[in-house]
Protein backbone atom coordinates (compact mmCIF):
# COMPACT_ATOMS: atom_id res chain seq x y z
CA MET A 1 -0.01 0.42 0.13
CA SER A 2 0.93 2.97 -0.82
CA LYS A 3 1.65 6.36 1.82
CA LEU A 4 -1.94 7.75 0.00
CA GLN A 5 -4.08 4.53 2.19
CA THR A 6 -3.25 7.19 5.21
CA LEU A 7 -5.54 9.39 3.75
CA CYS A 8 -8.02 6.96 3.07
CA GLY A 9 -11.07 7.92 5.87
CA ASN A 10 -12.38 5.62 8.97
CA ALA A 11 -15.64 4.74 10.04
CA LYS A 12 -17.07 6.30 12.82
CA ALA A 13 -19.89 4.57 15.05
CA TYR A 14 -23.00 5.96 15.68
CA ASN A 15 -26.28 5.24 17.75
CA ILE A 16 -29.01 6.47 15.88
CA GLY A 17 -32.74 5.68 17.29
CA GLY A 18 -30.48 3.06 19.58
CA VAL A 19 -29.56 1.42 16.52
CA GLU A 20 -25.32 0.74 16.51
CA LEU A 21 -24.13 1.81 12.85
CA ASP A 22 -20.14 1.98 11.57
CA LEU A 23 -20.61 4.62 8.82
CA LYS A 24 -18.00 5.08 6.32
CA PRO A 25 -16.85 8.03 4.35
CA ARG A 26 -17.87 8.36 1.03
CA ARG A 27 -15.12 8.04 -2.19
CA LEU A 28 -13.73 10.59 -4.83
CA GLU A 29 -15.36 8.11 -7.35
CA GLU A 30 -18.68 9.80 -5.49
CA ILE A 31 -17.37 13.59 -5.49
CA GLU A 32 -20.88 14.37 -8.13
CA LEU A 33 -23.03 13.29 -5.68
CA LEU A 34 -21.47 15.13 -3.05
CA MET A 35 -21.38 18.10 -5.48
CA GLN A 36 -24.73 17.79 -5.77
CA LEU A 37 -25.09 18.83 -2.22
CA GLN A 38 -25.00 22.17 -2.94
CA ASP A 39 -27.37 22.64 -5.75
CA PRO A 40 -30.98 23.73 -4.06
CA ALA A 41 -32.41 21.56 -6.80
CA LYS A 42 -30.68 18.36 -6.79
CA GLN A 43 -30.10 18.87 -2.89
CA GLY A 44 -32.96 16.41 -1.72
CA GLU A 45 -32.57 13.79 -4.57
CA ALA A 46 -28.14 13.53 -3.94
CA MET A 47 -29.09 13.36 -0.04
CA SER A 48 -31.98 10.62 0.22
CA GLU A 49 -29.21 8.70 -2.43
CA LEU A 50 -26.44 9.77 -0.07
CA ILE A 51 -27.87 8.25 3.28
CA LYS A 52 -29.04 5.31 0.78
CA ARG A 53 -25.47 4.26 -0.43
CA THR A 54 -23.74 5.20 3.47
CA LEU A 55 -26.71 2.87 4.56
CA LYS A 56 -26.37 -0.04 2.62
CA GLU A 57 -22.55 -0.31 2.97
CA ALA A 58 -23.41 0.02 7.17
CA VAL A 59 -25.96 -2.73 7.41
CA PRO A 60 -25.63 -4.35 3.54
CA ASP A 61 -28.43 -7.01 4.42
CA ALA A 62 -30.79 -3.98 4.18
CA THR A 63 -32.99 -3.66 1.90
CA ASP A 64 -33.90 -1.08 -0.09
CA GLU A 65 -37.33 -1.06 1.35
CA GLU A 66 -36.49 -1.53 4.98
CA ILE A 67 -33.84 1.89 3.62
CA ASN A 68 -36.94 3.44 2.31
CA ASN A 69 -39.09 2.88 5.16
CA LEU A 70 -37.29 4.81 7.40
CA SER A 71 -38.78 7.05 10.04
CA LEU A 72 -38.42 10.64 9.37
CA GLU A 73 -37.60 11.11 13.32
CA HIS A 74 -34.08 9.46 12.23
CA LEU A 75 -33.44 11.45 9.04
CA LYS A 76 -31.75 14.56 11.22
CA PRO A 77 -29.23 12.34 12.83
CA ILE A 78 -28.83 9.98 10.45
CA THR A 79 -27.98 12.74 7.79
CA GLU A 80 -25.91 14.48 10.58
CA ALA A 81 -23.71 11.35 10.97
CA ILE A 82 -23.58 11.16 7.29
CA MET A 83 -22.06 14.25 6.72
CA ASP A 84 -19.80 14.32 9.78
CA VAL A 85 -18.08 10.91 9.03
CA ASN A 86 -17.47 12.99 5.51
CA GLY A 87 -15.61 15.88 7.19
CA LEU A 88 -19.01 18.22 5.99
CA LYS A 89 -20.06 19.27 9.67
CA ASN A 90 -21.07 22.51 9.82
CA GLU A 91 -19.01 23.80 12.85
CA THR A 92 -21.46 26.88 13.46
CA ASN A 93 -24.31 24.29 14.88
């Protein structure tokens, strides 16, 4: 492995609604999706896709139906955890 391996993100554990999730940061290949978060017209769709990808990686046996049926009460903590693990957390909050 090269010295770039140390620049790869590490997973972090988050407790969301009593469920322990090890979330991994997204990768360079997904930069376009992350950039869409800045576009108000694409923000909702981009965040939805980001949540789905992150949760599928954290819980590989989760079904699309389970992810789509997550309670909205968990949306904020899931979103905050994803932003944090990717180093995008808003420091003013």
